[in-house]
């Protein structure tokens, strides 16, 4: 009977250690998930701010484009002394358009990378919780 009791106590202690280890791993996983959530929220906030800036820029450009072509052309001709001045203005607008397109593509790529990284981290966290 004494040996059965000793064996039972040893088994209980082993289970207590395993439970403590599992709880420690769970707490680490929760901390990791909280950290990833914080990083995701920070990234999402930055993306929303950048999207708002891009939206403002797009609205400004849309307003410029919505003016009547004759009015816009007349203003450009009045502001420019020559055809060369108009060509330079056109070149600068095309360059600005290309820059905005590149920034948008970079933003989309960064967003996709962030989503992939956070999805993998979330999967790792779920695996760790299992």
N, C-alpha and C. Protein backbone atom coordinates (compact mmCIF):
# COMPACT_ATOMS: atom_id res chain seq x y z
N UNK A 1 0.82 -1.18 0.00
CA UNK A 1 0.00 0.00 0.00
C UNK A 1 0.87 1.26 0.00
N UNK A 2 1.94 1.25 0.77
CA UNK A 2 2.84 2.39 0.86
C UNK A 2 3.49 2.67 -0.49
N UNK A 3 3.86 1.61 -1.19
CA UNK A 3 4.48 1.80 -2.50
C UNK A 3 3.45 2.34 -3.50
N UNK A 4 2.21 1.90 -3.43
CA UNK A 4 1.15 2.41 -4.30
C UNK A 4 0.93 3.90 -4.05
N UNK A 5 0.95 4.27 -2.78
CA UNK A 5 0.77 5.67 -2.42
C UNK A 5 1.94 6.52 -2.92
N UNK A 6 3.16 6.03 -2.79
CA UNK A 6 4.36 6.73 -3.26
C UNK A 6 4.32 6.89 -4.77
N UNK A 7 3.91 5.84 -5.45
CA UNK A 7 3.81 5.89 -6.90
C UNK A 7 2.72 6.88 -7.32
N UNK A 8 1.62 6.88 -6.62
CA UNK A 8 0.53 7.79 -6.92
C UNK A 8 0.96 9.25 -6.70
N UNK A 9 1.66 9.52 -5.61
CA UNK A 9 2.16 10.86 -5.32
C UNK A 9 3.15 11.31 -6.40
N UNK A 10 4.02 10.40 -6.82
CA UNK A 10 4.98 10.73 -7.88
C UNK A 10 4.26 11.06 -9.18
N UNK A 11 3.22 10.31 -9.47
CA UNK A 11 2.43 10.57 -10.69
C UNK A 11 1.73 11.93 -10.60
N UNK A 12 1.19 12.26 -9.43
CA UNK A 12 0.54 13.55 -9.22
C UNK A 12 1.55 14.68 -9.41
N UNK A 13 2.74 14.55 -8.87
CA UNK A 13 3.77 15.58 -9.02
C UNK A 13 4.19 15.73 -10.49
N UNK A 14 4.30 14.63 -11.17
CA UNK A 14 4.64 14.68 -12.60
C UNK A 14 3.56 15.43 -13.37
N UNK A 15 2.32 15.11 -13.06
CA UNK A 15 1.21 15.80 -13.73
C UNK A 15 1.18 17.30 -13.37
N UNK A 16 1.52 17.62 -12.12
CA UNK A 16 1.56 19.03 -11.71
C UNK A 16 2.65 19.79 -12.48
N UNK A 17 3.82 19.14 -12.66
CA UNK A 17 4.89 19.77 -13.43
C UNK A 17 4.47 19.96 -14.89
N UNK A 18 3.83 18.94 -15.44
CA UNK A 18 3.37 19.05 -16.83
C UNK A 18 2.33 20.15 -16.97
N UNK A 19 1.43 20.24 -15.99
CA UNK A 19 0.42 21.29 -16.00
C UNK A 19 1.08 22.67 -15.91
N UNK A 20 2.06 22.81 -15.03
CA UNK A 20 2.76 24.09 -14.89
C UNK A 20 3.48 24.45 -16.18
N UNK A 21 4.13 23.46 -16.82
CA UNK A 21 4.81 23.71 -18.09
C UNK A 21 3.82 24.12 -19.18
N UNK A 22 2.70 23.43 -19.22
CA UNK A 22 1.67 23.75 -20.21
C UNK A 22 1.10 25.14 -19.98
N UNK A 23 0.88 25.51 -18.73
CA UNK A 23 0.38 26.84 -18.42
C UNK A 23 1.40 27.91 -18.81
N UNK A 24 2.67 27.60 -18.58
CA UNK A 24 3.73 28.55 -18.97
C UNK A 24 3.75 28.73 -20.49
N UNK A 25 3.65 27.64 -21.23
CA UNK A 25 3.62 27.71 -22.69
C UNK A 25 2.39 28.47 -23.17
N UNK A 26 1.24 28.24 -22.51
CA UNK A 26 0.01 28.95 -22.86
C UNK A 26 0.20 30.45 -22.64
N UNK A 27 0.78 30.82 -21.50
CA UNK A 27 0.99 32.24 -21.20
C UNK A 27 1.94 32.87 -22.23
N UNK A 28 2.97 32.14 -22.62
CA UNK A 28 3.89 32.65 -23.63
C UNK A 28 3.16 32.84 -24.97
N UNK A 29 2.31 31.89 -25.31
CA UNK A 29 1.55 31.99 -26.56
C UNK A 29 0.60 33.19 -26.51
N UNK A 30 -0.07 33.39 -25.37
CA UNK A 30 -0.95 34.55 -25.24
C UNK A 30 -0.16 35.85 -25.37
N UNK A 31 1.01 35.90 -24.74
CA UNK A 31 1.85 37.10 -24.84
C UNK A 31 2.30 37.33 -26.27
N UNK A 32 2.66 36.26 -26.95
CA UNK A 32 3.07 36.37 -28.35
C UNK A 32 1.90 36.85 -29.20
N UNK A 33 0.72 36.30 -28.97
CA UNK A 33 -0.46 36.72 -29.73
C UNK A 33 -0.77 38.18 -29.47
N UNK A 34 -0.65 38.61 -28.21
CA UNK A 34 -0.90 40.02 -27.88
C UNK A 34 0.11 40.92 -28.57
N UNK A 35 1.36 40.48 -28.62
CA UNK A 35 2.40 41.26 -29.29
C UNK A 35 2.09 41.37 -30.79
N UNK A 36 1.74 40.24 -31.42
CA UNK A 36 1.42 40.28 -32.84
C UNK A 36 0.18 41.13 -33.09
N UNK A 37 -0.81 41.07 -32.20
CA UNK A 37 -2.01 41.88 -32.34
C UNK A 37 -1.64 43.37 -32.28
N UNK A 38 -0.76 43.73 -31.34
CA UNK A 38 -0.32 45.12 -31.22
C UNK A 38 0.40 45.56 -32.49
N UNK A 39 1.28 44.70 -33.00
CA UNK A 39 1.99 45.04 -34.24
C UNK A 39 1.03 45.18 -35.41
N UNK A 40 0.05 44.28 -35.48
CA UNK A 40 -0.93 44.34 -36.56
C UNK A 40 -1.73 45.64 -36.47
N UNK A 41 -2.16 46.00 -35.26
CA UNK A 41 -2.95 47.22 -35.09
C UNK A 41 -2.13 48.45 -35.47
N UNK A 42 -0.85 48.46 -35.11
CA UNK A 42 0.02 49.58 -35.47
C UNK A 42 0.15 49.67 -36.99
N UNK A 43 0.39 48.52 -37.61
CA UNK A 43 0.52 48.48 -39.07
C UNK A 43 -0.78 48.91 -39.74
N UNK A 44 -1.90 48.43 -39.22
CA UNK A 44 -3.20 48.78 -39.80
C UNK A 44 -3.47 50.28 -39.68
N UNK A 45 -3.11 50.86 -38.52
CA UNK A 45 -3.30 52.30 -38.33
C UNK A 45 -2.46 53.07 -39.33
N UNK A 46 -1.21 52.65 -39.53
CA UNK A 46 -0.34 53.33 -40.49
C UNK A 46 -0.92 53.22 -41.91
N UNK A 47 -1.42 52.05 -42.24
CA UNK A 47 -2.00 51.85 -43.57
C UNK A 47 -3.23 52.72 -43.77
N UNK A 48 -4.06 52.84 -42.72
CA UNK A 48 -5.25 53.69 -42.82
C UNK A 48 -4.85 55.15 -43.02
N UNK A 49 -3.83 55.60 -42.28
CA UNK A 49 -3.37 56.98 -42.42
C UNK A 49 -2.83 57.23 -43.83
N UNK A 50 -2.04 56.29 -44.33
CA UNK A 50 -1.50 56.44 -45.68
C UNK A 50 -2.61 56.41 -46.72
N UNK A 51 -3.59 55.54 -46.50
CA UNK A 51 -4.72 55.47 -47.44
C UNK A 51 -5.49 56.79 -47.44
N UNK A 52 -5.64 57.39 -46.27
CA UNK A 52 -6.33 58.69 -46.20
C UNK A 52 -5.53 59.75 -46.96
N UNK A 53 -4.21 59.72 -46.83
CA UNK A 53 -3.36 60.68 -47.56
C UNK A 53 -3.49 60.46 -49.07
N UNK A 54 -3.46 59.20 -49.50
CA UNK A 54 -3.61 58.90 -50.92
C UNK A 54 -4.98 59.33 -51.41
N UNK A 55 -6.00 59.12 -50.58
CA UNK A 55 -7.36 59.52 -50.96
C UNK A 55 -7.44 61.04 -51.14
N UNK A 56 -6.81 61.77 -50.22
CA UNK A 56 -6.80 63.23 -50.32
C UNK A 56 -6.09 63.66 -51.60
N UNK A 57 -4.96 63.03 -51.89
CA UNK A 57 -4.23 63.35 -53.13
C UNK A 57 -5.06 63.04 -54.35
N UNK A 58 -5.73 61.89 -54.33
CA UNK A 58 -6.55 61.49 -55.47
C UNK A 58 -7.72 62.46 -55.66
N UNK A 59 -8.34 62.88 -54.56
CA UNK A 59 -9.45 63.83 -54.67
C UNK A 59 -8.96 65.17 -55.23
N UNK A 60 -7.79 65.59 -54.79
CA UNK A 60 -7.23 66.84 -55.30
C UNK A 60 -6.97 66.74 -56.80
N UNK A 61 -6.38 65.63 -57.21
CA UNK A 61 -6.12 65.44 -58.65
C UNK A 61 -7.43 65.34 -59.43
N UNK A 62 -8.42 64.67 -58.84
CA UNK A 62 -9.72 64.55 -59.51
C UNK A 62 -10.37 65.92 -59.69
N UNK A 63 -10.24 66.78 -58.68
CA UNK A 63 -10.79 68.13 -58.80
C UNK A 63 -10.08 68.90 -59.89
N UNK A 64 -8.78 68.71 -59.98
CA UNK A 64 -8.03 69.40 -61.04
C UNK A 64 -8.46 68.91 -62.41
N UNK A 65 -8.71 67.60 -62.52
CA UNK A 65 -9.10 67.02 -63.81
C UNK A 65 -10.55 67.35 -64.16
N UNK A 66 -11.37 67.59 -63.14
CA UNK A 66 -12.79 67.83 -63.41
C UNK A 66 -13.06 69.22 -63.97
N UNK A 67 -12.10 70.11 -63.81
CA UNK A 67 -12.28 71.43 -64.42
C UNK A 67 -12.41 71.26 -65.93
N UNK A 68 -13.10 72.15 -66.53
CA UNK A 68 -13.32 72.02 -67.97
C UNK A 68 -11.97 72.07 -68.70
N UNK A 69 -11.82 71.23 -69.72
CA UNK A 69 -10.54 71.20 -70.45
C UNK A 69 -10.16 72.54 -71.04
N UNK A 70 -11.13 73.29 -71.52
CA UNK A 70 -10.81 74.60 -72.09
C UNK A 70 -10.28 75.55 -71.03
N UNK A 71 -10.90 75.52 -69.86
CA UNK A 71 -10.45 76.38 -68.76
C UNK A 71 -9.04 76.01 -68.33
N UNK A 72 -8.81 74.69 -68.17
CA UNK A 72 -7.48 74.23 -67.74
C UNK A 72 -6.43 74.58 -68.78
N UNK A 73 -6.74 74.32 -70.03
CA UNK A 73 -5.79 74.62 -71.10
C UNK A 73 -5.52 76.12 -71.17
N UNK A 74 -6.57 76.90 -71.01
CA UNK A 74 -6.39 78.36 -71.03
C UNK A 74 -5.50 78.83 -69.90
N UNK A 75 -5.69 78.26 -68.72
CA UNK A 75 -4.84 78.62 -67.59
C UNK A 75 -3.40 78.21 -67.84
N UNK A 76 -3.22 77.02 -68.39
CA UNK A 76 -1.86 76.54 -68.67
C UNK A 76 -1.19 77.41 -69.73
N UNK A 77 -1.95 77.79 -70.76
CA UNK A 77 -1.37 78.65 -71.81
C UNK A 77 -1.03 80.02 -71.26
N UNK A 78 -1.88 80.53 -70.40
CA UNK A 78 -1.61 81.83 -69.81
C UNK A 78 -0.39 81.77 -68.90
N UNK A 79 -0.23 80.67 -68.18
CA UNK A 79 0.88 80.54 -67.25
C UNK A 79 2.19 80.24 -67.98
N UNK A 80 2.09 79.67 -69.14
CA UNK A 80 3.30 79.28 -69.88
C UNK A 80 3.54 80.23 -71.04
N UNK A 81 4.80 80.51 -71.25
CA UNK A 81 5.15 81.42 -72.35
C UNK A 81 5.29 80.69 -73.68
N UNK A 82 5.46 79.38 -73.61
CA UNK A 82 5.72 78.68 -74.87
C UNK A 82 5.23 77.24 -74.80
N UNK A 83 5.32 76.61 -75.93
CA UNK A 83 4.98 75.19 -76.01
C UNK A 83 5.96 74.36 -75.18
N UNK A 84 7.18 74.82 -75.11
CA UNK A 84 8.20 74.13 -74.31
C UNK A 84 7.81 74.13 -72.83
N UNK A 85 7.25 75.23 -72.36
CA UNK A 85 6.79 75.30 -70.97
C UNK A 85 5.67 74.30 -70.70
N UNK A 86 4.75 74.19 -71.67
CA UNK A 86 3.67 73.21 -71.53
C UNK A 86 4.22 71.78 -71.52
N UNK A 87 5.21 71.54 -72.37
CA UNK A 87 5.81 70.20 -72.42
C UNK A 87 6.47 69.86 -71.09
N UNK A 88 7.14 70.83 -70.51
CA UNK A 88 7.77 70.60 -69.20
C UNK A 88 6.72 70.32 -68.14
N UNK A 89 5.63 71.06 -68.19
CA UNK A 89 4.53 70.85 -67.23
C UNK A 89 3.94 69.45 -67.40
N UNK A 90 3.74 69.05 -68.64
CA UNK A 90 3.21 67.72 -68.93
C UNK A 90 4.17 66.64 -68.44
N UNK A 91 5.46 66.85 -68.69
CA UNK A 91 6.46 65.88 -68.23
C UNK A 91 6.45 65.76 -66.71
N UNK A 92 6.32 66.89 -66.02
CA UNK A 92 6.30 66.83 -64.56
C UNK A 92 5.05 66.13 -64.05
N UNK A 93 3.91 66.34 -64.72
CA UNK A 93 2.68 65.65 -64.32
C UNK A 93 2.77 64.14 -64.57
N UNK A 94 3.36 63.76 -65.69
CA UNK A 94 3.55 62.33 -65.97
C UNK A 94 4.48 61.70 -64.94
N UNK A 95 5.52 62.41 -64.60
CA UNK A 95 6.46 61.90 -63.58
C UNK A 95 5.76 61.76 -62.24
N UNK A 96 4.95 62.75 -61.88
CA UNK A 96 4.20 62.69 -60.61
C UNK A 96 3.23 61.49 -60.62
N UNK A 97 2.59 61.27 -61.73
CA UNK A 97 1.68 60.13 -61.86
C UNK A 97 2.44 58.82 -61.68
N UNK A 98 3.61 58.71 -62.29
CA UNK A 98 4.42 57.50 -62.15
C UNK A 98 4.88 57.30 -60.71
N UNK A 99 5.26 58.39 -60.05
CA UNK A 99 5.68 58.30 -58.65
C UNK A 99 4.54 57.81 -57.77
N UNK A 100 3.36 58.37 -57.98
CA UNK A 100 2.19 57.95 -57.20
C UNK A 100 1.84 56.49 -57.47
N UNK A 101 1.97 56.08 -58.71
CA UNK A 101 1.70 54.68 -59.06
C UNK A 101 2.70 53.76 -58.37
N UNK A 102 3.96 54.14 -58.36
CA UNK A 102 4.99 53.34 -57.70
C UNK A 102 4.75 53.28 -56.19
N UNK A 103 4.36 54.40 -55.60
CA UNK A 103 4.08 54.42 -54.16
C UNK A 103 2.89 53.53 -53.83
N UNK A 104 1.88 53.57 -54.68
CA UNK A 104 0.71 52.73 -54.47
C UNK A 104 1.08 51.25 -54.59
N UNK A 105 1.87 50.90 -55.59
CA UNK A 105 2.29 49.51 -55.75
C UNK A 105 3.15 49.06 -54.58
N UNK A 106 4.03 49.93 -54.09
CA UNK A 106 4.86 49.59 -52.93
C UNK A 106 3.99 49.39 -51.70
N UNK A 107 3.00 50.23 -51.56
CA UNK A 107 2.06 50.11 -50.42
C UNK A 107 1.28 48.80 -50.50
N UNK A 108 0.84 48.46 -51.68
CA UNK A 108 0.10 47.20 -51.85
C UNK A 108 1.00 46.01 -51.55
N UNK A 109 2.25 46.05 -51.99
CA UNK A 109 3.19 44.96 -51.71
C UNK A 109 3.49 44.86 -50.22
N UNK A 110 3.68 46.00 -49.57
CA UNK A 110 3.93 45.99 -48.13
C UNK A 110 2.73 45.45 -47.37
N UNK A 111 1.55 45.82 -47.81
CA UNK A 111 0.33 45.32 -47.16
C UNK A 111 0.22 43.81 -47.31
N UNK A 112 0.50 43.31 -48.51
CA UNK A 112 0.44 41.87 -48.74
C UNK A 112 1.48 41.14 -47.89
N UNK A 113 2.67 41.69 -47.80
CA UNK A 113 3.73 41.08 -46.98
C UNK A 113 3.33 41.07 -45.51
N UNK A 114 2.77 42.17 -45.04
CA UNK A 114 2.34 42.24 -43.64
C UNK A 114 1.24 41.21 -43.38
N UNK A 115 0.29 41.12 -44.28
CA UNK A 115 -0.80 40.15 -44.12
C UNK A 115 -0.24 38.73 -44.07
N UNK A 116 0.70 38.41 -44.96
CA UNK A 116 1.28 37.07 -44.98
C UNK A 116 2.05 36.79 -43.69
N UNK A 117 2.84 37.74 -43.23
CA UNK A 117 3.62 37.56 -42.01
C UNK A 117 2.71 37.37 -40.80
N UNK A 118 1.70 38.19 -40.70
CA UNK A 118 0.79 38.09 -39.57
C UNK A 118 -0.04 36.81 -39.62
N UNK A 119 -0.40 36.36 -40.81
CA UNK A 119 -1.13 35.11 -40.94
C UNK A 119 -0.26 33.94 -40.50
N UNK A 120 1.00 33.95 -40.91
CA UNK A 120 1.92 32.89 -40.49
C UNK A 120 2.13 32.92 -38.98
N UNK A 121 2.27 34.10 -38.42
CA UNK A 121 2.46 34.22 -36.97
C UNK A 121 1.23 33.74 -36.22
N UNK A 122 0.07 34.06 -36.74
CA UNK A 122 -1.17 33.60 -36.12
C UNK A 122 -1.27 32.09 -36.18
N UNK A 123 -0.89 31.51 -37.31
CA UNK A 123 -0.88 30.05 -37.44
C UNK A 123 0.10 29.42 -36.46
N UNK A 124 1.28 30.02 -36.34
CA UNK A 124 2.27 29.51 -35.38
C UNK A 124 1.75 29.58 -33.96
N UNK A 125 1.06 30.67 -33.66
CA UNK A 125 0.50 30.82 -32.31
C UNK A 125 -0.57 29.77 -32.05
N UNK A 126 -1.43 29.52 -33.02
CA UNK A 126 -2.43 28.48 -32.83
C UNK A 126 -1.79 27.11 -32.68
N UNK A 127 -0.75 26.85 -33.48
CA UNK A 127 -0.04 25.58 -33.34
C UNK A 127 0.58 25.45 -31.96
N UNK A 128 1.13 26.56 -31.45
CA UNK A 128 1.75 26.53 -30.13
C UNK A 128 0.70 26.29 -29.04
N UNK A 129 -0.50 26.82 -29.25
CA UNK A 129 -1.56 26.62 -28.26
C UNK A 129 -2.06 25.18 -28.25
N UNK A 130 -1.96 24.52 -29.38
CA UNK A 130 -2.38 23.11 -29.43
C UNK A 130 -1.41 22.29 -28.65
